[in-house]
Protein backbone atom coordinates (compact mmCIF):
# COMPACT_ATOMS: atom_id res chain seq x y z
CA UNK A 1 7.62 15.02 -0.93
CA UNK A 2 8.89 11.11 -1.92
CA UNK A 3 10.54 10.66 1.69
CA UNK A 4 7.67 11.84 3.43
CA UNK A 5 5.85 9.38 1.92
CA UNK A 6 8.15 6.72 1.67
CA UNK A 7 8.77 7.81 5.66
CA UNK A 8 4.57 7.31 5.96
CA UNK A 9 5.31 3.90 4.61
CA UNK A 10 8.00 3.04 6.92
CA UNK A 11 6.20 4.19 9.85
CA UNK A 12 3.18 2.42 9.00
CA UNK A 13 5.04 -0.90 7.87
CA UNK A 14 7.15 -0.96 11.41
CA UNK A 15 4.66 -2.71 12.90
CA UNK A 16 6.66 -2.72 16.35
CA UNK A 17 7.23 0.24 15.67
CA UNK A 18 10.94 -0.24 16.66
CA UNK A 19 12.42 1.74 14.15
CA UNK A 20 13.42 -1.12 11.84
CA UNK A 21 11.51 -3.21 9.02
CA UNK A 22 11.73 -7.14 9.68
CA UNK A 23 10.01 -10.21 8.30
CA UNK A 24 7.94 -10.08 10.68
CA UNK A 25 6.90 -6.90 9.99
CA UNK A 26 5.82 -7.47 6.86
CA UNK A 27 3.96 -10.40 7.76
CA UNK A 28 1.68 -8.51 10.24
CA UNK A 29 1.12 -6.22 8.08
CA UNK A 30 -0.05 -8.70 5.82
CA UNK A 31 -2.14 -10.23 8.02
CA UNK A 32 -3.79 -6.82 8.36
CA UNK A 33 -4.80 -7.03 4.66
CA UNK A 34 -5.50 -10.49 4.44
CA UNK A 35 -7.52 -9.96 7.14
CA UNK A 36 -10.14 -7.98 5.09
CA UNK A 37 -10.50 -11.15 2.52
CA UNK A 38 -12.82 -13.61 3.20
CA UNK A 39 -11.52 -16.72 5.16
CA UNK A 40 -12.54 -18.96 2.18
CA UNK A 41 -10.80 -16.32 -0.45
CA UNK A 42 -7.78 -18.02 -0.20
CA UNK A 43 -6.60 -16.69 -3.95
CA UNK A 44 -7.06 -13.10 -3.04
CA UNK A 45 -5.39 -13.37 0.72
CA UNK A 46 -2.07 -15.61 -0.75
CA UNK A 47 -2.10 -12.84 -3.77
CA UNK A 48 -1.50 -10.14 -1.31
CA UNK A 49 0.59 -12.41 1.32
CA UNK A 50 2.97 -12.85 -1.66
CA UNK A 51 2.80 -8.96 -2.42
CA UNK A 52 4.09 -8.35 0.74
CA UNK A 53 6.14 -10.96 1.10
CA UNK A 54 7.79 -9.78 -2.40
CA UNK A 55 8.15 -6.43 -1.66
CA UNK A 56 10.32 -7.81 1.26
CA UNK A 57 12.53 -10.16 -0.82
CA UNK A 58 13.38 -6.96 -3.21
CA UNK A 59 13.86 -4.69 0.69
CA UNK A 60 16.26 -7.35 1.57
CA UNK A 61 17.81 -8.23 -2.21
CA UNK A 62 19.08 -4.58 -2.07
CA UNK A 63 20.46 -3.65 1.34
CA UNK A 64 24.22 -2.89 1.21
CA UNK A 65 26.79 -4.40 3.49
CA UNK A 66 25.72 -6.65 7.21
CA UNK A 67 22.02 -4.97 7.33
CA UNK A 68 21.25 -8.38 8.18
CA UNK A 69 16.84 -9.06 8.46
CA UNK A 70 16.14 -5.62 9.43
CA UNK A 71 16.71 -2.42 7.29
CA UNK A 72 16.24 1.06 8.80
CA UNK A 73 14.36 4.06 7.29
CA UNK A 74 17.42 6.02 5.56
CA UNK A 75 18.50 2.59 4.01
CA UNK A 76 14.37 2.03 3.25
CA UNK A 77 14.69 5.07 1.42
CA UNK A 78 17.09 4.66 -0.27
CA UNK A 79 15.68 1.59 -1.40
CA UNK A 80 12.45 2.59 -1.99
CA UNK A 81 13.58 5.20 -4.43
CA UNK A 82 16.43 3.24 -6.16
CA UNK A 83 15.10 0.06 -6.27
CA UNK A 84 11.29 -0.73 -5.58
CA UNK A 85 10.52 1.61 -7.32
CA UNK A 86 12.34 0.92 -10.94
CA UNK A 87 9.41 -0.95 -13.40
CA UNK A 88 11.48 -3.80 -12.93
CA UNK A 89 9.96 -4.52 -9.16
CA UNK A 90 7.65 -2.16 -8.60
CA UNK A 91 4.69 -4.46 -10.47
CA UNK A 92 5.88 -7.04 -8.09
CA UNK A 93 6.46 -5.60 -5.31
CA UNK A 94 3.95 -2.71 -5.19
CA UNK A 95 1.34 -3.12 -7.65
CA UNK A 96 0.98 -7.13 -7.44
CA UNK A 97 -0.90 -6.14 -3.72
CA UNK A 98 -3.93 -4.59 -5.75
CA UNK A 99 -5.35 -7.99 -7.60
CA UNK A 100 -5.59 -9.11 -4.22
CA UNK A 101 -6.80 -6.44 -2.83
CA UNK A 102 -9.27 -5.35 -5.00
CA UNK A 103 -10.11 -8.50 -4.60
CA UNK A 104 -10.69 -9.14 -1.45
CA UNK A 105 -12.72 -6.00 -0.97
CA UNK A 106 -14.86 -6.10 -3.87
CA UNK A 107 -16.83 -8.36 -2.20
CA UNK A 108 -20.17 -7.44 -4.89
CA UNK A 109 -17.68 -8.56 -7.59
CA UNK A 110 -18.20 -5.86 -10.18
CA UNK A 111 -14.57 -4.43 -10.36
CA UNK A 112 -14.31 -1.77 -8.42
CA UNK A 113 -14.61 -0.65 -4.99
CA UNK A 114 -18.16 0.99 -3.49
CA UNK A 115 -17.63 3.61 -0.82
CA UNK A 116 -18.67 0.76 1.43
CA UNK A 117 -16.43 -1.19 0.84
CA UNK A 118 -13.46 1.40 0.50
CA UNK A 119 -14.11 2.59 4.23
CA UNK A 120 -14.62 -0.92 5.39
CA UNK A 121 -10.90 -1.30 4.36
CA UNK A 122 -9.30 1.55 5.87
CA UNK A 123 -11.31 1.55 8.80
CA UNK A 124 -9.90 -2.32 9.63
CA UNK A 125 -5.93 -0.75 8.88
CA UNK A 126 -7.12 2.08 11.46
CA UNK A 127 -7.69 4.99 9.13
CA UNK A 128 -10.21 7.15 10.47
CA UNK A 129 -13.40 7.36 7.85
CA UNK A 130 -13.40 11.17 7.92
CA UNK A 131 -9.81 10.44 6.63
CA UNK A 132 -11.01 7.38 4.26
CA UNK A 133 -14.09 9.63 3.34
CA UNK A 134 -11.81 12.23 1.67
CA UNK A 135 -9.62 9.81 0.24
CA UNK A 136 -12.76 7.80 -1.98
CA UNK A 137 -13.97 11.75 -3.01
CA UNK A 138 -10.34 12.26 -4.37
CA UNK A 139 -9.67 8.94 -6.01
CA UNK A 140 -13.03 8.38 -7.66
CA UNK A 141 -11.63 10.13 -10.38
CA UNK A 142 -15.10 9.92 -12.73
CA UNK A 143 -17.49 10.77 -10.05
CA UNK A 144 -19.28 7.39 -10.14
CA UNK A 145 -19.49 6.45 -7.04
CA UNK A 146 -17.14 3.94 -6.90
CA UNK A 147 -12.99 3.52 -7.17
CA UNK A 148 -12.39 1.62 -9.68
CA UNK A 149 -9.31 -0.65 -10.29
CA UNK A 150 -8.20 1.49 -12.92
CA UNK A 151 -8.18 4.16 -11.14
CA UNK A 152 -7.36 2.21 -7.19
CA UNK A 153 -3.64 1.25 -9.94
CA UNK A 154 -3.42 4.82 -10.64
CA UNK A 155 -3.85 5.84 -7.27
CA UNK A 156 -0.92 3.81 -6.09
CA UNK A 157 0.95 4.67 -9.41
CA UNK A 158 0.48 8.31 -8.23
CA UNK A 159 1.39 7.58 -4.53
CA UNK A 160 5.11 5.83 -5.14
CA UNK A 161 5.90 7.61 -8.57
CA UNK A 162 4.37 10.96 -8.70
CA UNK A 163 6.50 14.23 -8.09
CA UNK A 164 3.28 16.54 -8.17
CA UNK A 165 1.60 17.21 -4.70
CA UNK A 166 -1.83 17.21 -6.10
CA UNK A 167 -2.29 14.27 -7.57
CA UNK A 168 -5.07 12.29 -6.04
CA UNK A 169 -2.88 9.34 -5.02
CA UNK A 170 -1.63 11.05 -2.66
CA UNK A 171 -4.41 10.66 -0.66
CA UNK A 172 -3.88 7.00 -0.86
CA UNK A 173 -3.04 6.62 2.85
CA UNK A 174 -4.41 9.43 3.99
CA UNK A 175 -3.92 12.94 5.39
CA UNK A 176 -0.11 12.39 5.66
CA UNK A 177 -0.44 12.45 1.94
CA UNK A 178 -1.11 15.91 1.79
CA UNK A 179 2.38 17.09 2.02
CA UNK A 180 2.39 21.02 2.42
């Protein structure tokens, strides 16, 4: 299941669909995320940009041989499993994006994502509203009508670390998370 999730992330990150991840791909995906923030929101834009560049740095630092500046799917899966999800790297490489993302999306400043804020994020990232609607229901664990910072962070942890096929966090990136 983890290989399927990592493959989905690879495909999403491979912005030019050439089968390789490069710094350019990471800059483009970072651009998609930073565009979610208000232009004047330098704090959250910078946090997301840094998060993606940290992730790229961890990947590049763990390549074997002469991979150069590009990483293919098999190596991405190996590095994700062996290095990126290791506790010392996961916080900076993956969870480092959470603060910036929540801060950028939380337009009313209440520390959580409303349904509208959540759907707006996924719409901007190319995920259809029908998918984000179902995901929102699953990630709003307490039924408050909002996804708290803790719920969003838990969803990210489950997506990358959980082997439980029923974990709500598997819906983080949409229907691919339903691995049946």
